[in-house]
Protein backbone atom coordinates (compact mmCIF):
# COMPACT_ATOMS: atom_id res chain seq x y z
CA UNK A 1 5.64 7.02 16.70
CA UNK A 2 1.99 5.74 17.29
CA UNK A 3 0.31 3.47 15.25
CA UNK A 4 -3.63 4.09 14.19
CA UNK A 5 -5.90 1.93 13.23
CA UNK A 6 -8.51 -0.71 15.38
CA UNK A 7 -7.86 -3.23 17.63
CA UNK A 8 -9.71 -6.34 17.18
CA UNK A 9 -11.63 -6.12 20.49
CA UNK A 10 -13.18 -2.87 19.16
CA UNK A 11 -13.81 -4.90 15.70
CA UNK A 12 -15.58 -7.55 17.06
CA UNK A 13 -17.78 -5.37 19.35
CA UNK A 14 -18.73 -3.21 16.05
CA UNK A 15 -19.64 -6.96 14.17
CA UNK A 16 -21.35 -7.79 17.28
CA UNK A 17 -23.78 -4.59 17.57
CA UNK A 18 -24.54 -5.08 13.94
CA UNK A 19 -25.32 -8.31 13.74
CA UNK A 20 -27.81 -7.40 16.86
CA UNK A 21 -29.44 -4.94 14.85
CA UNK A 22 -29.43 -7.46 11.73
CA UNK A 23 -31.42 -9.39 14.29
CA UNK A 24 -33.86 -7.13 15.15
CA UNK A 25 -34.26 -5.75 11.57
CA UNK A 26 -35.31 -8.69 9.45
CA UNK A 27 -38.44 -10.38 10.94
CA UNK A 28 -39.81 -6.73 10.53
CA UNK A 29 -39.07 -6.82 7.04
CA UNK A 30 -39.43 -10.54 6.16
CA UNK A 31 -43.47 -9.81 7.55
CA UNK A 32 -43.98 -7.27 5.05
CA UNK A 33 -44.54 -9.38 2.14
CA UNK A 34 -47.38 -11.11 4.31
CA UNK A 35 -48.57 -8.13 5.27
CA UNK A 36 -49.06 -6.80 1.56
CA UNK A 37 -50.49 -9.53 0.27
CA UNK A 38 -53.00 -9.03 3.18
CA UNK A 39 -53.68 -5.82 1.90
CA UNK A 40 -53.90 -6.19 -1.77
CA UNK A 41 -57.05 -8.74 -0.71
CA UNK A 42 -58.32 -6.29 1.64
CA UNK A 43 -58.18 -3.46 -1.18
CA UNK A 44 -59.43 -6.03 -3.68
CA UNK A 45 -62.53 -6.88 -1.35
CA UNK A 46 -63.71 -3.09 -0.36
CA UNK A 47 -63.57 -3.23 -4.67
CA UNK A 48 -66.12 -6.16 -4.88
CA UNK A 49 -68.15 -4.81 -2.07
CA UNK A 50 -68.77 -1.97 -4.48
CA UNK A 51 -68.98 -3.79 -7.56
CA UNK A 52 -71.71 -5.86 -5.86
CA UNK A 53 -73.38 -2.60 -5.02
CA UNK A 54 -72.90 -1.02 -8.22
CA UNK A 55 -74.21 -4.22 -9.96
CA UNK A 56 -77.13 -4.70 -7.49
CA UNK A 57 -78.52 -1.04 -8.75
CA UNK A 58 -77.86 -1.51 -12.17
CA UNK A 59 -79.68 -5.27 -12.03
CA UNK A 60 -82.49 -3.44 -10.06
CA UNK A 61 -82.85 -6.52 -7.95
CA UNK A 62 -80.17 -8.96 -7.00
CA UNK A 63 -77.07 -9.42 -9.70
CA UNK A 64 -75.67 -12.20 -11.82
CA UNK A 65 -71.87 -12.83 -11.67
CA UNK A 66 -70.85 -11.25 -14.57
CA UNK A 67 -72.62 -8.26 -13.65
CA UNK A 68 -70.73 -7.94 -10.71
CA UNK A 69 -67.42 -8.81 -12.06
CA UNK A 70 -67.89 -6.97 -15.42
CA UNK A 71 -67.95 -3.71 -12.31
CA UNK A 72 -64.03 -4.67 -11.25
CA UNK A 73 -61.52 -2.91 -13.35
CA UNK A 74 -57.53 -3.60 -13.95
CA UNK A 75 -58.13 -7.24 -14.90
CA UNK A 76 -59.83 -10.01 -17.27
CA UNK A 77 -62.80 -11.83 -16.75
CA UNK A 78 -62.95 -15.32 -17.60
CA UNK A 79 -66.48 -17.41 -16.93
CA UNK A 80 -66.99 -16.59 -13.14
CA UNK A 81 -63.23 -15.53 -12.80
CA UNK A 82 -61.81 -12.37 -12.42
CA UNK A 83 -57.62 -11.37 -12.91
CA UNK A 84 -55.77 -8.84 -11.76
CA UNK A 85 -53.51 -7.38 -14.04
CA UNK A 86 -50.27 -8.80 -12.37
CA UNK A 87 -52.35 -12.17 -12.42
CA UNK A 88 -52.00 -12.65 -8.72
CA UNK A 89 -55.02 -11.89 -7.64
CA UNK A 90 -58.34 -13.78 -8.60
CA UNK A 91 -61.94 -13.19 -7.44
CA UNK A 92 -64.39 -16.47 -7.70
CA UNK A 93 -68.11 -16.60 -8.43
CA UNK A 94 -69.97 -18.57 -7.79
CA UNK A 95 -73.82 -18.46 -7.67
CA UNK A 96 -74.77 -21.29 -6.79
CA UNK A 97 -73.07 -20.53 -2.80
CA UNK A 98 -73.84 -17.21 -2.85
CA UNK A 99 -69.85 -16.28 -2.99
CA UNK A 100 -67.41 -14.29 -3.62
CA UNK A 101 -64.01 -15.24 -3.03
CA UNK A 102 -60.66 -12.99 -3.59
CA UNK A 103 -57.31 -14.95 -2.86
CA UNK A 104 -53.70 -13.75 -3.69
CA UNK A 105 -51.32 -16.38 -5.11
CA UNK A 106 -49.30 -17.26 -1.88
CA UNK A 107 -51.39 -15.21 0.01
CA UNK A 108 -54.65 -15.24 2.14
CA UNK A 109 -58.29 -15.22 0.49
CA UNK A 110 -61.63 -13.73 2.13
CA UNK A 111 -64.83 -15.36 1.49
CA UNK A 112 -67.87 -12.27 0.80
CA UNK A 113 -71.72 -13.89 1.08
CA UNK A 114 -74.25 -12.08 -1.09
CA UNK A 115 -77.13 -12.82 -3.38
CA UNK A 116 -76.35 -13.71 -6.50
CA UNK A 117 -77.99 -15.28 -9.49
């Protein structure tokens, strides 16, 4: 009668192969969060650029922070700050410095320079 099953060497080889695959795959998945945060900030920056263009047309000149932030959808405006619905992305408007800063909690930020009243 012949014994069936795997030898210790065969099991060790399988474990080593699985370890190599995990070592290759894990760093790729770990970096996805950073890439997702950057993509979110970039998308919000594109929305801010559009909101600025719309506000400029509506104001027939240089818009105010309220006009710019009022053209952003999917969030709430409080003073000179817009906050996304998930509360993780904010757009801060500073008319004195002519800047709009987009930031993500625990992630990157981008500052846009525009003429703002």
